[in-house]
Amino acid sequence: MADALPDKLYFRIGEVAELVGVEAHVLRYWETEFKLRPHRSSSGQRLYRKSDLARFLRVRQLLHEEGFTIAGARRSEEHTSELQS
């Protein structure tokens, strides 16, 4: 899916919510649970990069398709990042 995304540096929260298939409040919740830190515009609006979007898509897959709990998805994400380090 990430390959079919518009070629731009930043995405606003509404765009990401639509691409991921969840409401904006869910993304804000996932930010806290998965320690995502989006960039902020001068007015404070969240700005996400493609890597953030890819991470949200992975979280949605873990939670919605693979049946993980938040804690289980967080452990899976931590394990994946350890392997990539």
C-alpha atoms as a PDB file:
ATOM      1  CA  MET A   1       0.000   0.000   0.000  1.00  0.00           C
ATOM      2  CA  ALA A   2       2.829   2.417   0.864  1.00  0.00           C
ATOM      3  CA  ASP A   3       3.990   2.381  -2.771  1.00  0.00           C
ATOM      4  CA  ALA A   4       0.644   3.748  -3.974  1.00  0.00           C
ATOM      5  CA  LEU A   5       0.803   6.790  -1.678  1.00  0.00           C
ATOM      6  CA  PRO A   6       1.117  10.316  -2.998  1.00  0.00           C
ATOM      7  CA  ASP A   7       4.723  11.426  -3.345  1.00  0.00           C
ATOM      8  CA  LYS A   8       4.946  14.118  -0.697  1.00  0.00           C
ATOM      9  CA  LEU A   9       6.938  14.713   2.442  1.00  0.00           C
ATOM     10  CA  TYR A  10       4.131  15.151   4.980  1.00  0.00           C
ATOM     11  CA  PHE A  11       0.553  13.967   5.446  1.00  0.00           C
ATOM     12  CA  ARG A  12      -2.029  15.571   7.712  1.00  0.00           C
ATOM     13  CA  ILE A  13      -3.928  13.511  10.267  1.00  0.00           C
ATOM     14  CA  GLY A  14      -7.129  13.405   8.195  1.00  0.00           C
ATOM     15  CA  GLU A  15      -5.255  12.036   5.193  1.00  0.00           C
ATOM     16  CA  VAL A  16      -3.529   9.384   7.296  1.00  0.00           C
ATOM     17  CA  ALA A  17      -6.789   8.411   8.997  1.00  0.00           C
ATOM     18  CA  GLU A  18      -8.416   7.894   5.609  1.00  0.00           C
ATOM     19  CA  LEU A  19      -5.473   5.894   4.219  1.00  0.00           C
ATOM     20  CA  VAL A  20      -5.224   3.701   7.323  1.00  0.00           C
ATOM     21  CA  GLY A  21      -8.995   3.276   7.616  1.00  0.00           C
ATOM     22  CA  VAL A  22      -9.492   4.530  11.172  1.00  0.00           C
ATOM     23  CA  GLU A  23     -10.718   7.729  12.808  1.00  0.00           C
ATOM     24  CA  ALA A  24      -8.252  10.505  13.690  1.00  0.00           C
ATOM     25  CA  HIS A  25      -8.786   9.948  17.426  1.00  0.00           C
ATOM     26  CA  VAL A  26      -7.581   6.360  16.982  1.00  0.00           C
ATOM     27  CA  LEU A  27      -4.334   7.618  15.438  1.00  0.00           C
ATOM     28  CA  ARG A  28      -3.826   9.998  18.365  1.00  0.00           C
ATOM     29  CA  TYR A  29      -4.371   7.093  20.768  1.00  0.00           C
ATOM     30  CA  TRP A  30      -1.935   4.894  18.850  1.00  0.00           C
ATOM     31  CA  GLU A  31       0.639   7.704  19.003  1.00  0.00           C
ATOM     32  CA  THR A  32       0.689   7.415  22.788  1.00  0.00           C
ATOM     33  CA  GLU A  33       0.575   3.611  22.872  1.00  0.00           C
ATOM     34  CA  PHE A  34       3.286   3.092  20.242  1.00  0.00           C
ATOM     35  CA  LYS A  35       5.438   6.147  21.058  1.00  0.00           C
ATOM     36  CA  LEU A  36       4.992   7.852  17.710  1.00  0.00           C
ATOM     37  CA  ARG A  37       6.089  11.476  17.605  1.00  0.00           C
ATOM     38  CA  PRO A  38       4.764  13.231  14.507  1.00  0.00           C
ATOM     39  CA  HIS A  39       6.301  16.452  13.312  1.00  0.00           C
ATOM     40  CA  ARG A  40       4.287  19.566  14.083  1.00  0.00           C
ATOM     41  CA  SER A  41       3.562  22.546  11.876  1.00  0.00           C
ATOM     42  CA  SER A  42       4.092  26.056  13.219  1.00  0.00           C
ATOM     43  CA  SER A  43       0.398  26.037  14.157  1.00  0.00           C
ATOM     44  CA  GLY A  44       0.777  22.714  16.014  1.00  0.00           C
ATOM     45  CA  GLN A  45      -0.914  20.480  13.428  1.00  0.00           C
ATOM     46  CA  ARG A  46       0.379  16.907  13.260  1.00  0.00           C
ATOM     47  CA  LEU A  47       2.414  16.115  10.157  1.00  0.00           C
ATOM     48  CA  TYR A  48       3.233  12.481   9.392  1.00  0.00           C
ATOM     49  CA  ARG A  49       5.915  11.055   7.102  1.00  0.00           C
ATOM     50  CA  LYS A  50       5.479   7.949   4.953  1.00  0.00           C
ATOM     51  CA  SER A  51       7.385   5.949   7.593  1.00  0.00           C
ATOM     52  CA  ASP A  52       4.786   6.995  10.205  1.00  0.00           C
ATOM     53  CA  LEU A  53       2.016   5.977   7.831  1.00  0.00           C
ATOM     54  CA  ALA A  54       3.666   2.591   7.251  1.00  0.00           C
ATOM     55  CA  ARG A  55       3.858   2.075  11.007  1.00  0.00           C
ATOM     56  CA  PHE A  56       0.172   2.934  11.461  1.00  0.00           C
ATOM     57  CA  LEU A  57      -0.704   0.468   8.697  1.00  0.00           C
ATOM     58  CA  ARG A  58       1.313  -2.220  10.488  1.00  0.00           C
ATOM     59  CA  VAL A  59      -0.384  -1.453  13.820  1.00  0.00           C
ATOM     60  CA  ARG A  60      -3.805  -1.684  12.174  1.00  0.00           C
ATOM     61  CA  GLN A  61      -2.824  -5.019  10.627  1.00  0.00           C
ATOM     62  CA  LEU A  62      -1.683  -6.377  13.993  1.00  0.00           C
ATOM     63  CA  LEU A  63      -4.798  -5.190  15.829  1.00  0.00           C
ATOM     64  CA  HIS A  64      -7.560  -5.618  13.266  1.00  0.00           C
ATOM     65  CA  GLU A  65      -6.388  -8.491  11.077  1.00  0.00           C
ATOM     66  CA  GLU A  66      -4.097 -10.562  13.300  1.00  0.00           C
ATOM     67  CA  GLY A  67      -6.076 -10.113  16.519  1.00  0.00           C
ATOM     68  CA  PHE A  68      -3.305  -8.740  18.722  1.00  0.00           C
ATOM     69  CA  THR A  69      -4.104  -6.744  21.834  1.00  0.00           C
ATOM     70  CA  ILE A  70      -2.527  -3.292  22.188  1.00  0.00           C
ATOM     71  CA  ALA A  71       0.107  -4.771  24.527  1.00  0.00           C
ATOM     72  CA  GLY A  72       0.802  -7.655  22.142  1.00  0.00           C
ATOM     73  CA  ALA A  73       1.085  -5.341  19.150  1.00  0.00           C
ATOM     74  CA  ARG A  74       3.434  -3.085  21.112  1.00  0.00           C
ATOM     75  CA  ARG A  75       5.648  -6.084  21.982  1.00  0.00           C
ATOM     76  CA  SER A  76       5.646  -7.177  18.343  1.00  0.00           C
ATOM     77  CA  GLU A  77       6.639  -3.666  17.239  1.00  0.00           C
ATOM     78  CA  GLU A  78       9.422  -3.509  19.850  1.00  0.00           C
ATOM     79  CA  HIS A  79      10.696  -6.926  18.793  1.00  0.00           C
ATOM     80  CA  THR A  80      10.698  -5.894  15.123  1.00  0.00           C
ATOM     81  CA  SER A  81      12.611  -2.681  15.865  1.00  0.00           C
ATOM     82  CA  GLU A  82      15.183  -4.641  17.906  1.00  0.00           C
ATOM     83  CA  LEU A  83      15.745  -7.005  14.976  1.00  0.00           C
ATOM     84  CA  GLN A  84      16.237  -4.067  12.601  1.00  0.00           C
ATOM     85  CA  SER A  85      18.789  -2.383  14.892  1.00  0.00           C
END
